[in-house]
C-alpha atoms as a PDB file:
ATOM      1  CA  MET A   1    -140.245 -19.253 210.599  1.00  0.00           C
ATOM      2  CA  SER A   2    -143.370 -17.716 212.040  1.00  0.00           C
ATOM      3  CA  THR A   3    -146.968 -19.247 211.418  1.00  0.00           C
ATOM      4  CA  ARG A   4    -148.045 -15.862 210.310  1.00  0.00           C
ATOM      5  CA  THR A   5    -145.382 -15.774 207.588  1.00  0.00           C
ATOM      6  CA  LYS A   6    -146.420 -19.092 206.373  1.00  0.00           C
ATOM      7  CA  SER A   7    -150.091 -18.128 206.479  1.00  0.00           C
ATOM      8  CA  GLN A   8    -149.349 -14.810 204.290  1.00  0.00           C
ATOM      9  CA  ARG A   9    -147.445 -17.027 201.637  1.00  0.00           C
ATOM     10  CA  PHE A  10    -150.129 -19.505 201.626  1.00  0.00           C
ATOM     11  CA  PHE A  11    -153.053 -16.905 200.908  1.00  0.00           C
ATOM     12  CA  THR A  12    -150.702 -14.956 198.458  1.00  0.00           C
ATOM     13  CA  GLY A  13    -149.900 -18.120 196.619  1.00  0.00           C
ATOM     14  CA  MET A  14    -153.444 -19.450 196.558  1.00  0.00           C
ATOM     15  CA  GLY A  15    -154.808 -16.051 195.260  1.00  0.00           C
ATOM     16  CA  ILE A  16    -152.252 -15.941 192.543  1.00  0.00           C
ATOM     17  CA  LEU A  17    -153.036 -19.562 191.509  1.00  0.00           C
ATOM     18  CA  LEU A  18    -156.645 -18.953 191.500  1.00  0.00           C
ATOM     19  CA  LEU A  19    -156.334 -15.907 189.471  1.00  0.00           C
ATOM     20  CA  VAL A  20    -154.077 -17.752 186.801  1.00  0.00           C
ATOM     21  CA  LEU A  21    -156.806 -20.564 186.797  1.00  0.00           C
ATOM     22  CA  ILE A  22    -159.734 -18.145 186.202  1.00  0.00           C
ATOM     23  CA  LEU A  23    -157.954 -16.209 183.486  1.00  0.00           C
ATOM     24  CA  GLY A  24    -156.483 -19.337 181.850  1.00  0.00           C
ATOM     25  CA  TYR A  25    -159.988 -20.758 181.554  1.00  0.00           C
ATOM     26  CA  LEU A  26    -161.657 -17.561 180.442  1.00  0.00           C
ATOM     27  CA  ALA A  27    -158.935 -17.393 177.726  1.00  0.00           C
ATOM     28  CA  ILE A  28    -159.559 -20.833 176.402  1.00  0.00           C
ATOM     29  CA  ASN A  29    -163.369 -20.586 176.981  1.00  0.00           C
ATOM     30  CA  PRO A  30    -164.394 -19.379 173.572  1.00  0.00           C
ATOM     31  CA  TRP A  31    -162.300 -22.038 171.916  1.00  0.00           C
ATOM     32  CA  LEU A  32    -163.899 -24.726 174.201  1.00  0.00           C
ATOM     33  CA  LEU A  33    -167.393 -23.722 173.106  1.00  0.00           C
ATOM     34  CA  ARG A  34    -166.567 -24.614 169.527  1.00  0.00           C
ATOM     35  CA  TRP A  35    -164.059 -27.301 170.140  1.00  0.00           C
ATOM     36  CA  GLY A  36    -163.267 -29.020 166.785  1.00  0.00           C
ATOM     37  CA  ALA A  37    -166.019 -27.108 164.860  1.00  0.00           C
ATOM     38  CA  THR A  38    -165.598 -24.900 161.789  1.00  0.00           C
ATOM     39  CA  ASP A  39    -167.266 -21.329 161.304  1.00  0.00           C
ATOM     40  CA  ALA A  40    -169.725 -22.990 158.992  1.00  0.00           C
ATOM     41  CA  GLU A  41    -170.732 -25.639 161.485  1.00  0.00           C
ATOM     42  CA  VAL A  42    -171.043 -23.334 164.403  1.00  0.00           C
ATOM     43  CA  SER A  43    -173.308 -20.958 162.153  1.00  0.00           C
ATOM     44  CA  ARG A  44    -175.410 -23.812 160.744  1.00  0.00           C
ATOM     45  CA  ALA A  45    -179.013 -24.252 162.000  1.00  0.00           C
ATOM     46  CA  MET A  46    -179.720 -27.524 163.669  1.00  0.00           C
ATOM     47  CA  PRO A  47    -182.958 -29.267 164.817  1.00  0.00           C
ATOM     48  CA  GLY A  48    -184.291 -27.885 167.950  1.00  0.00           C
ATOM     49  CA  ASP A  49    -182.218 -24.922 168.199  1.00  0.00           C
ATOM     50  CA  LEU A  50    -183.242 -22.520 171.093  1.00  0.00           C
ATOM     51  CA  ASP A  51    -182.557 -18.881 171.479  1.00  0.00           C
ATOM     52  CA  HIS A  52    -179.079 -19.517 173.386  1.00  0.00           C
ATOM     53  CA  ILE A  53    -176.746 -21.701 171.550  1.00  0.00           C
ATOM     54  CA  GLY A  54    -174.371 -22.930 174.296  1.00  0.00           C
ATOM     55  CA  TRP A  55    -171.939 -24.686 172.286  1.00  0.00           C
ATOM     56  CA  THR A  56    -171.089 -26.656 168.959  1.00  0.00           C
ATOM     57  CA  ARG A  57    -168.374 -29.251 168.890  1.00  0.00           C
ATOM     58  CA  GLY A  58    -167.291 -31.544 166.203  1.00  0.00           C
ATOM     59  CA  ILE A  59    -164.910 -34.460 165.308  1.00  0.00           C
ATOM     60  CA  THR A  60    -163.861 -36.117 161.855  1.00  0.00           C
ATOM     61  CA  ILE A  61    -164.606 -39.765 161.870  1.00  0.00           C
ATOM     62  CA  ASN A  62    -162.998 -42.139 159.387  1.00  0.00           C
ATOM     63  CA  ALA A  63    -166.282 -43.901 158.809  1.00  0.00           C
ATOM     64  CA  THR A  64    -169.573 -43.385 157.006  1.00  0.00           C
ATOM     65  CA  PRO A  65    -172.692 -42.029 158.650  1.00  0.00           C
ATOM     66  CA  GLU A  66    -174.253 -45.497 158.456  1.00  0.00           C
ATOM     67  CA  GLN A  67    -171.459 -46.856 160.319  1.00  0.00           C
ATOM     68  CA  ILE A  68    -171.653 -44.010 163.148  1.00  0.00           C
ATOM     69  CA  TRP A  69    -175.329 -43.837 163.525  1.00  0.00           C
ATOM     70  CA  PRO A  70    -175.834 -47.269 165.307  1.00  0.00           C
ATOM     71  CA  TRP A  71    -173.495 -45.882 168.109  1.00  0.00           C
ATOM     72  CA  LEU A  72    -175.645 -42.703 168.458  1.00  0.00           C
ATOM     73  CA  VAL A  73    -179.034 -44.211 168.376  1.00  0.00           C
ATOM     74  CA  GLN A  74    -178.168 -46.274 171.300  1.00  0.00           C
ATOM     75  CA  TRP A  75    -177.059 -43.230 173.429  1.00  0.00           C
ATOM     76  CA  GLY A  76    -178.293 -42.868 177.128  1.00  0.00           C
ATOM     77  CA  GLN A  77    -178.443 -44.399 180.644  1.00  0.00           C
ATOM     78  CA  GLY A  78    -179.586 -48.057 180.592  1.00  0.00           C
ATOM     79  CA  ARG A  79    -178.922 -48.364 176.905  1.00  0.00           C
ATOM     80  CA  GLY A  80    -175.379 -47.724 175.389  1.00  0.00           C
ATOM     81  CA  GLY A  81    -174.125 -45.267 177.876  1.00  0.00           C
ATOM     82  CA  TRP A  82    -172.628 -41.804 177.383  1.00  0.00           C
ATOM     83  CA  TYR A  83    -169.293 -43.042 176.020  1.00  0.00           C
ATOM     84  CA  SER A  84    -167.467 -40.761 178.403  1.00  0.00           C
ATOM     85  CA  TYR A  85    -166.075 -41.300 181.869  1.00  0.00           C
ATOM     86  CA  ASP A  86    -168.316 -43.935 183.186  1.00  0.00           C
ATOM     87  CA  TRP A  87    -166.458 -43.996 186.505  1.00  0.00           C
ATOM     88  CA  LEU A  88    -166.890 -40.157 187.060  1.00  0.00           C
ATOM     89  CA  GLU A  89    -170.620 -40.345 186.309  1.00  0.00           C
ATOM     90  CA  ASN A  90    -171.002 -43.295 188.492  1.00  0.00           C
ATOM     91  CA  LEU A  91    -169.620 -41.424 191.564  1.00  0.00           C
ATOM     92  CA  PHE A  92    -172.894 -39.326 191.437  1.00  0.00           C
ATOM     93  CA  GLY A  93    -174.967 -42.488 191.096  1.00  0.00           C
ATOM     94  CA  PHE A  94    -175.753 -42.333 187.261  1.00  0.00           C
ATOM     95  CA  ASP A  95    -175.320 -46.018 186.800  1.00  0.00           C
ATOM     96  CA  ILE A  96    -173.651 -45.493 183.344  1.00  0.00           C
ATOM     97  CA  HIS A  97    -172.042 -48.467 181.461  1.00  0.00           C
ATOM     98  CA  THR A  98    -170.716 -47.531 177.945  1.00  0.00           C
ATOM     99  CA  ALA A  99    -171.242 -50.401 175.413  1.00  0.00           C
ATOM    100  CA  ASP A 100    -168.223 -51.497 173.400  1.00  0.00           C
ATOM    101  CA  HIS A 101    -170.475 -53.138 170.738  1.00  0.00           C
ATOM    102  CA  ILE A 102    -173.635 -52.199 169.042  1.00  0.00           C
ATOM    103  CA  LEU A 103    -176.646 -53.252 171.036  1.00  0.00           C
ATOM    104  CA  LEU A 104    -179.339 -54.619 168.621  1.00  0.00           C
ATOM    105  CA  GLU A 105    -182.199 -54.220 171.173  1.00  0.00           C
ATOM    106  CA  HIS A 106    -181.459 -50.381 171.418  1.00  0.00           C
ATOM    107  CA  GLN A 107    -181.457 -49.747 167.699  1.00  0.00           C
ATOM    108  CA  ASN A 108    -185.229 -48.811 167.278  1.00  0.00           C
ATOM    109  CA  LEU A 109    -185.389 -45.348 168.767  1.00  0.00           C
ATOM    110  CA  LYS A 110    -188.414 -43.496 168.168  1.00  0.00           C
ATOM    111  CA  VAL A 111    -189.620 -39.830 168.549  1.00  0.00           C
ATOM    112  CA  GLY A 112    -191.012 -39.591 172.108  1.00  0.00           C
ATOM    113  CA  ASP A 113    -188.658 -42.228 173.468  1.00  0.00           C
ATOM    114  CA  PRO A 114    -186.875 -40.970 176.551  1.00  0.00           C
ATOM    115  CA  ILE A 115    -183.119 -40.541 176.878  1.00  0.00           C
ATOM    116  CA  CYS A 116    -182.257 -40.969 180.531  1.00  0.00           C
ATOM    117  CA  MET A 117    -179.394 -39.154 182.436  1.00  0.00           C
ATOM    118  CA  ALA A 118    -179.548 -41.620 185.319  1.00  0.00           C
ATOM    119  CA  ARG A 119    -181.609 -44.484 186.401  1.00  0.00           C
ATOM    120  CA  GLY A 120    -185.110 -42.933 187.098  1.00  0.00           C
ATOM    121  CA  PHE A 121    -184.025 -39.432 185.719  1.00  0.00           C
ATOM    122  CA  CYS A 122    -185.476 -39.225 182.280  1.00  0.00           C
ATOM    123  CA  THR A 123    -186.518 -35.693 181.671  1.00  0.00           C
ATOM    124  CA  SER A 124    -185.477 -35.681 178.030  1.00  0.00           C
ATOM    125  CA  HIS A 125    -187.266 -37.238 175.062  1.00  0.00           C
ATOM    126  CA  VAL A 126    -186.387 -37.732 171.376  1.00  0.00           C
ATOM    127  CA  MET A 127    -187.876 -35.076 169.104  1.00  0.00           C
ATOM    128  CA  VAL A 128    -186.140 -35.465 165.759  1.00  0.00           C
ATOM    129  CA  ILE A 129    -184.687 -38.819 164.349  1.00  0.00           C
ATOM    130  CA  GLU A 130    -183.604 -39.037 160.768  1.00  0.00           C
ATOM    131  CA  PRO A 131    -181.407 -42.054 160.429  1.00  0.00           C
ATOM    132  CA  ASN A 132    -177.800 -41.339 159.469  1.00  0.00           C
ATOM    133  CA  GLN A 133    -178.318 -37.451 159.692  1.00  0.00           C
ATOM    134  CA  TRP A 134    -179.955 -36.049 162.639  1.00  0.00           C
ATOM    135  CA  LEU A 135    -180.726 -37.179 166.410  1.00  0.00           C
ATOM    136  CA  SER A 136    -181.912 -34.624 168.808  1.00  0.00           C
ATOM    137  CA  TRP A 137    -183.727 -34.785 172.192  1.00  0.00           C
ATOM    138  CA  GLN A 138    -185.130 -32.041 174.471  1.00  0.00           C
ATOM    139  CA  ALA A 139    -186.050 -31.428 178.001  1.00  0.00           C
ATOM    140  CA  LYS A 140    -189.184 -29.595 178.691  1.00  0.00           C
ATOM    141  CA  ASP A 141    -190.635 -27.362 181.537  1.00  0.00           C
ATOM    142  CA  GLU A 142    -193.844 -28.179 183.308  1.00  0.00           C
ATOM    143  CA  ASP A 143    -195.875 -26.433 180.463  1.00  0.00           C
ATOM    144  CA  GLY A 144    -194.363 -28.644 178.018  1.00  0.00           C
ATOM    145  CA  ASN A 145    -191.917 -25.926 176.599  1.00  0.00           C
ATOM    146  CA  PRO A 146    -188.390 -26.955 175.560  1.00  0.00           C
ATOM    147  CA  VAL A 147    -185.731 -25.712 177.694  1.00  0.00           C
ATOM    148  CA  TRP A 148    -182.829 -27.599 176.579  1.00  0.00           C
ATOM    149  CA  THR A 149    -181.934 -29.552 173.317  1.00  0.00           C
ATOM    150  CA  PHE A 150    -179.294 -31.938 172.539  1.00  0.00           C
ATOM    151  CA  THR A 151    -178.469 -32.529 168.832  1.00  0.00           C
ATOM    152  CA  PHE A 152    -176.261 -34.762 166.745  1.00  0.00           C
ATOM    153  CA  GLY A 153    -175.749 -34.141 163.071  1.00  0.00           C
ATOM    154  CA  LEU A 154    -173.933 -36.161 160.669  1.00  0.00           C
ATOM    155  CA  PHE A 155    -172.156 -34.809 157.574  1.00  0.00           C
ATOM    156  CA  PRO A 156    -170.177 -36.826 155.108  1.00  0.00           C
ATOM    157  CA  LEU A 157    -167.121 -35.242 153.716  1.00  0.00           C
ATOM    158  CA  ASP A 158    -166.430 -38.096 151.248  1.00  0.00           C
ATOM    159  CA  ASP A 159    -167.003 -41.869 150.921  1.00  0.00           C
ATOM    160  CA  SER A 160    -164.950 -42.645 153.955  1.00  0.00           C
ATOM    161  CA  GLN A 161    -165.134 -39.556 156.294  1.00  0.00           C
ATOM    162  CA  THR A 162    -167.747 -38.078 158.250  1.00  0.00           C
ATOM    163  CA  ARG A 163    -168.178 -34.867 160.354  1.00  0.00           C
ATOM    164  CA  LEU A 164    -169.998 -35.674 163.798  1.00  0.00           C
ATOM    165  CA  ILE A 165    -171.239 -32.459 165.153  1.00  0.00           C
ATOM    166  CA  VAL A 166    -172.961 -31.999 168.560  1.00  0.00           C
ATOM    167  CA  ARG A 167    -174.934 -28.886 169.796  1.00  0.00           C
ATOM    168  CA  GLU A 168    -176.476 -28.016 173.155  1.00  0.00           C
ATOM    169  CA  SER A 169    -178.853 -24.890 173.201  1.00  0.00           C
ATOM    170  CA  PHE A 170    -180.913 -23.460 176.057  1.00  0.00           C
ATOM    171  CA  ARG A 171    -183.946 -21.216 176.437  1.00  0.00           C
ATOM    172  CA  SER A 172    -182.354 -18.093 178.081  1.00  0.00           C
ATOM    173  CA  ASP A 173    -185.202 -17.317 180.407  1.00  0.00           C
ATOM    174  CA  PHE A 174    -185.161 -20.615 182.003  1.00  0.00           C
ATOM    175  CA  MET A 175    -181.250 -21.124 181.921  1.00  0.00           C
ATOM    176  CA  PRO A 176    -179.405 -17.869 182.721  1.00  0.00           C
ATOM    177  CA  PRO A 177    -176.089 -17.353 181.300  1.00  0.00           C
ATOM    178  CA  ALA A 178    -174.406 -18.165 184.764  1.00  0.00           C
ATOM    179  CA  ALA A 179    -176.057 -21.538 185.004  1.00  0.00           C
ATOM    180  CA  VAL A 180    -175.074 -22.307 181.409  1.00  0.00           C
ATOM    181  CA  PHE A 181    -171.355 -21.260 182.263  1.00  0.00           C
ATOM    182  CA  VAL A 182    -171.298 -23.594 185.270  1.00  0.00           C
ATOM    183  CA  LEU A 183    -172.657 -26.494 183.126  1.00  0.00           C
ATOM    184  CA  GLU A 184    -170.165 -25.952 180.337  1.00  0.00           C
ATOM    185  CA  ILE A 185    -167.194 -26.753 182.576  1.00  0.00           C
ATOM    186  CA  PRO A 186    -167.904 -30.543 183.308  1.00  0.00           C
ATOM    187  CA  ASP A 187    -169.697 -30.743 180.048  1.00  0.00           C
ATOM    188  CA  VAL A 188    -166.684 -30.070 177.830  1.00  0.00           C
ATOM    189  CA  VAL A 189    -164.672 -32.756 179.569  1.00  0.00           C
ATOM    190  CA  MET A 190    -167.327 -35.310 179.264  1.00  0.00           C
ATOM    191  CA  GLU A 191    -168.044 -34.386 175.637  1.00  0.00           C
ATOM    192  CA  GLN A 192    -164.648 -34.343 174.351  1.00  0.00           C
ATOM    193  CA  LYS A 193    -164.218 -37.715 175.815  1.00  0.00           C
ATOM    194  CA  ALA A 194    -167.582 -38.981 174.193  1.00  0.00           C
ATOM    195  CA  LEU A 195    -166.753 -37.826 170.887  1.00  0.00           C
ATOM    196  CA  HIS A 196    -163.474 -39.459 170.860  1.00  0.00           C
ATOM    197  CA  THR A 197    -165.010 -42.890 172.215  1.00  0.00           C
ATOM    198  CA  VAL A 198    -167.612 -42.710 169.431  1.00  0.00           C
ATOM    199  CA  LYS A 199    -164.699 -41.971 166.822  1.00  0.00           C
ATOM    200  CA  ASN A 200    -162.828 -45.090 168.031  1.00  0.00           C
ATOM    201  CA  ARG A 201    -166.009 -47.315 168.273  1.00  0.00           C
ATOM    202  CA  ALA A 202    -167.133 -46.373 164.643  1.00  0.00           C
ATOM    203  CA  GLU A 203    -163.667 -46.698 163.298  1.00  0.00           C
ATOM    204  CA  GLY A 204    -163.282 -50.125 164.899  1.00  0.00           C
ATOM    205  CA  ILE A 205    -160.195 -49.005 167.010  1.00  0.00           C
ATOM    206  CA  GLU A 206    -160.107 -51.021 170.162  1.00  0.00           C
ATOM    207  CA  GLU A 207    -158.815 -48.702 172.894  1.00  0.00           C
ATOM    208  CA  SER A 208    -156.857 -50.392 175.656  1.00  0.00           C
ATOM    209  CA  ALA A 209    -158.581 -50.537 179.144  1.00  0.00           C
ATOM    210  CA  LEU A 210    -155.571 -48.686 180.569  1.00  0.00           C
ATOM    211  CA  VAL A 211    -156.223 -45.392 178.353  1.00  0.00           C
ATOM    212  CA  THR A 212    -158.745 -43.873 180.934  1.00  0.00           C
ATOM    213  CA  PRO A 213    -156.673 -44.743 184.043  1.00  0.00           C
ATOM    214  CA  LEU A 214    -153.606 -43.326 182.631  1.00  0.00           C
ATOM    215  CA  GLU A 215    -155.529 -40.192 181.637  1.00  0.00           C
ATOM    216  CA  ILE A 216    -156.653 -39.796 185.183  1.00  0.00           C
ATOM    217  CA  LEU A 217    -153.061 -40.717 186.441  1.00  0.00           C
ATOM    218  CA  ALA A 218    -151.725 -37.930 184.342  1.00  0.00           C
ATOM    219  CA  TRP A 219    -153.883 -35.435 185.611  1.00  0.00           C
ATOM    220  CA  PHE A 220    -153.390 -36.414 189.265  1.00  0.00           C
ATOM    221  CA  ALA A 221    -149.620 -36.585 188.792  1.00  0.00           C
ATOM    222  CA  ALA A 222    -149.693 -32.822 187.506  1.00  0.00           C
ATOM    223  CA  LEU A 223    -151.860 -31.870 190.672  1.00  0.00           C
ATOM    224  CA  VAL A 224    -149.554 -33.590 193.048  1.00  0.00           C
ATOM    225  CA  ILE A 225    -146.370 -32.071 191.645  1.00  0.00           C
ATOM    226  CA  GLY A 226    -148.051 -28.647 191.608  1.00  0.00           C
ATOM    227  CA  SER A 227    -149.127 -29.124 195.207  1.00  0.00           C
ATOM    228  CA  MET A 228    -145.583 -29.959 196.211  1.00  0.00           C
ATOM    229  CA  ALA A 229    -144.298 -26.631 194.684  1.00  0.00           C
ATOM    230  CA  GLY A 230    -147.045 -24.834 196.498  1.00  0.00           C
ATOM    231  CA  LEU A 231    -145.993 -26.326 199.800  1.00  0.00           C
ATOM    232  CA  ARG A 232    -142.475 -25.553 199.080  1.00  0.00           C
ATOM    233  CA  PHE A 233    -143.302 -21.715 198.496  1.00  0.00           C
ATOM    234  CA  VAL A 234    -145.332 -21.710 201.748  1.00  0.00           C
ATOM    235  CA  ASN A 235    -142.593 -23.291 203.812  1.00  0.00           C
ATOM    236  CA  HIS A 236    -139.499 -21.813 202.129  1.00  0.00           C
ATOM    237  CA  GLY A 237    -140.573 -18.738 200.176  1.00  0.00           C
ATOM    238  CA  GLY A 238    -138.951 -17.849 196.939  1.00  0.00           C
ATOM    239  CA  TRP A 239    -140.410 -17.105 193.309  1.00  0.00           C
ATOM    240  CA  THR A 240    -139.252 -20.236 191.830  1.00  0.00           C
ATOM    241  CA  PRO A 241    -141.713 -22.577 193.352  1.00  0.00           C
ATOM    242  CA  LEU A 242    -144.429 -20.131 192.807  1.00  0.00           C
ATOM    243  CA  VAL A 243    -143.662 -19.869 189.210  1.00  0.00           C
ATOM    244  CA  PHE A 244    -143.573 -23.436 189.043  1.00  0.00           C
ATOM    245  CA  GLY A 245    -146.928 -23.632 190.648  1.00  0.00           C
ATOM    246  CA  ILE A 246    -148.325 -21.319 188.070  1.00  0.00           C
ATOM    247  CA  ALA A 247    -146.919 -23.679 185.321  1.00  0.00           C
ATOM    248  CA  SER A 248    -148.663 -26.604 187.023  1.00  0.00           C
ATOM    249  CA  VAL A 249    -151.793 -24.871 187.109  1.00  0.00           C
ATOM    250  CA  LEU A 250    -151.496 -24.113 183.329  1.00  0.00           C
ATOM    251  CA  VAL A 251    -150.610 -27.896 182.551  1.00  0.00           C
ATOM    252  CA  LEU A 252    -153.740 -29.060 184.487  1.00  0.00           C
ATOM    253  CA  LEU A 253    -155.864 -26.507 182.504  1.00  0.00           C
ATOM    254  CA  MET A 254    -154.652 -28.324 179.275  1.00  0.00           C
ATOM    255  CA  LEU A 255    -154.980 -31.674 180.486  1.00  0.00           C
ATOM    256  CA  THR A 256    -158.550 -31.017 181.923  1.00  0.00           C
ATOM    257  CA  PHE A 257    -159.948 -29.033 179.038  1.00  0.00           C
ATOM    258  CA  LEU A 258    -157.954 -29.422 175.731  1.00  0.00           C
ATOM    259  CA  PHE A 259    -157.911 -33.292 175.506  1.00  0.00           C
ATOM    260  CA  PRO A 260    -154.432 -33.793 174.306  1.00  0.00           C
ATOM    261  CA  PRO A 261    -153.427 -37.321 173.240  1.00  0.00           C
ATOM    262  CA  LEU A 262    -151.893 -39.549 175.869  1.00  0.00           C
ATOM    263  CA  TRP A 263    -148.403 -39.253 174.759  1.00  0.00           C
ATOM    264  CA  GLN A 264    -148.606 -35.368 175.109  1.00  0.00           C
ATOM    265  CA  ARG A 265    -150.073 -35.823 178.521  1.00  0.00           C
ATOM    266  CA  VAL A 266    -147.069 -37.803 179.508  1.00  0.00           C
ATOM    267  CA  VAL A 267    -144.652 -35.243 177.968  1.00  0.00           C
ATOM    268  CA  LEU A 268    -146.341 -32.435 180.051  1.00  0.00           C
ATOM    269  CA  ASP A 269    -146.076 -34.673 183.159  1.00  0.00           C
ATOM    270  CA  LEU A 270    -142.445 -35.352 182.529  1.00  0.00           C
ATOM    271  CA  GLY A 271    -141.811 -31.682 181.953  1.00  0.00           C
ATOM    272  CA  LEU A 272    -143.249 -30.817 185.369  1.00  0.00           C
ATOM    273  CA  LEU A 273    -141.284 -33.667 187.037  1.00  0.00           C
ATOM    274  CA  GLY A 274    -137.945 -32.501 185.588  1.00  0.00           C
ATOM    275  CA  GLY A 275    -138.909 -28.957 186.711  1.00  0.00           C
ATOM    276  CA  TRP A 276    -139.692 -30.176 190.289  1.00  0.00           C
ATOM    277  CA  LEU A 277    -136.391 -32.208 190.398  1.00  0.00           C
ATOM    278  CA  TRP A 278    -134.493 -29.039 189.291  1.00  0.00           C
ATOM    279  CA  ILE A 279    -136.017 -27.011 192.078  1.00  0.00           C
ATOM    280  CA  VAL A 280    -135.135 -29.640 194.848  1.00  0.00           C
ATOM    281  CA  ARG A 281    -131.651 -29.869 193.503  1.00  0.00           C
ATOM    282  CA  GLN A 282    -131.127 -26.143 193.328  1.00  0.00           C
ATOM    283  CA  SER A 283    -132.613 -26.001 196.959  1.00  0.00           C
ATOM    284  CA  ALA A 284    -130.024 -28.628 198.221  1.00  0.00           C
ATOM    285  CA  GLN A 285    -127.085 -27.012 196.473  1.00  0.00           C
ATOM    286  CA  SER A 286    -128.256 -23.792 198.087  1.00  0.00           C
ATOM    287  CA  ALA A 287    -128.321 -25.340 201.497  1.00  0.00           C
ATOM    288  CA  GLN A 288    -124.907 -26.855 201.178  1.00  0.00           C
ATOM    289  CA  PHE A 289    -123.550 -23.404 200.044  1.00  0.00           C
ATOM    290  CA  GLN A 290    -125.127 -21.920 203.155  1.00  0.00           C
ATOM    291  CA  VAL A 291    -123.653 -24.547 205.545  1.00  0.00           C
ATOM    292  CA  ALA A 292    -120.158 -24.546 204.050  1.00  0.00           C
ATOM    293  CA  PRO A 293    -119.170 -21.044 205.234  1.00  0.00           C
ATOM    294  CA  GLU A 294    -120.571 -21.960 208.797  1.00  0.00           C
ATOM    295  CA  VAL A 295    -118.256 -24.894 208.940  1.00  0.00           C
ATOM    296  CA  ARG A 296    -115.167 -23.018 207.803  1.00  0.00           C
ATOM    297  CA  SER A 297    -115.841 -20.402 210.415  1.00  0.00           C
ATOM    298  CA  ALA A 298    -116.205 -22.826 212.990  1.00  0.00           C
ATOM    299  CA  ALA A 299    -112.765 -24.436 211.966  1.00  0.00           C
END
């Protein structure tokens, strides 16, 4: 097979997979911007709202606002952390260490206190703090005008359940839509994990140290299986590996942005693995079928 043919397949396959990736993300994007939030929660005004509301997300926690609040009030680098993927944040030098218990020394947050993104990077300051209900901080421009607001709201459903709502809004003349779109891609991944971590902490659920590594492993397994399908398409052609590659891209989208429970991640990976083994088996049988006539002709 010529190098030119392989190159054509490579660029054809990459183009199709990239198109599927873009269209797939655009299809789920409206849902991601309001992940877990109801219509009423999306439309509700929250402290510090700027002219462009980027996203509103929510989660139900089986705990009271008083049980959830201590975890929120210690939020931030150098404090309780960001409750998300510390390993990913620390790849960029953020020095984040999520607390697994309430830190009494960080329970006295006040208006004006900094909320740091990374060590030495503290551009946001608390603007609203109403215990057990509102916690909000803002970043401002050089003139002191707010450009970004991050707000938590706690809304009890009954004596044992509370809605935790998080909203981020932006000043549109400072953060153009393109910049907000780029920001929302990593933000949804980190925020979904953070909301689930706070939920587990407030409910007293001790999450195994293996959960995050297994989530990462599930993602890489789908990536590796999809990559093998892509290589088979480049080297051998055929629509089956390409279709399987498209399926792998869709699974990667789900694992990355929909935050399925761990058992669903395992099921998705097993489905991909089963499909990949079927492709390999079909290819082996096809090769045997092609060799057999040649053997008979030689005899």
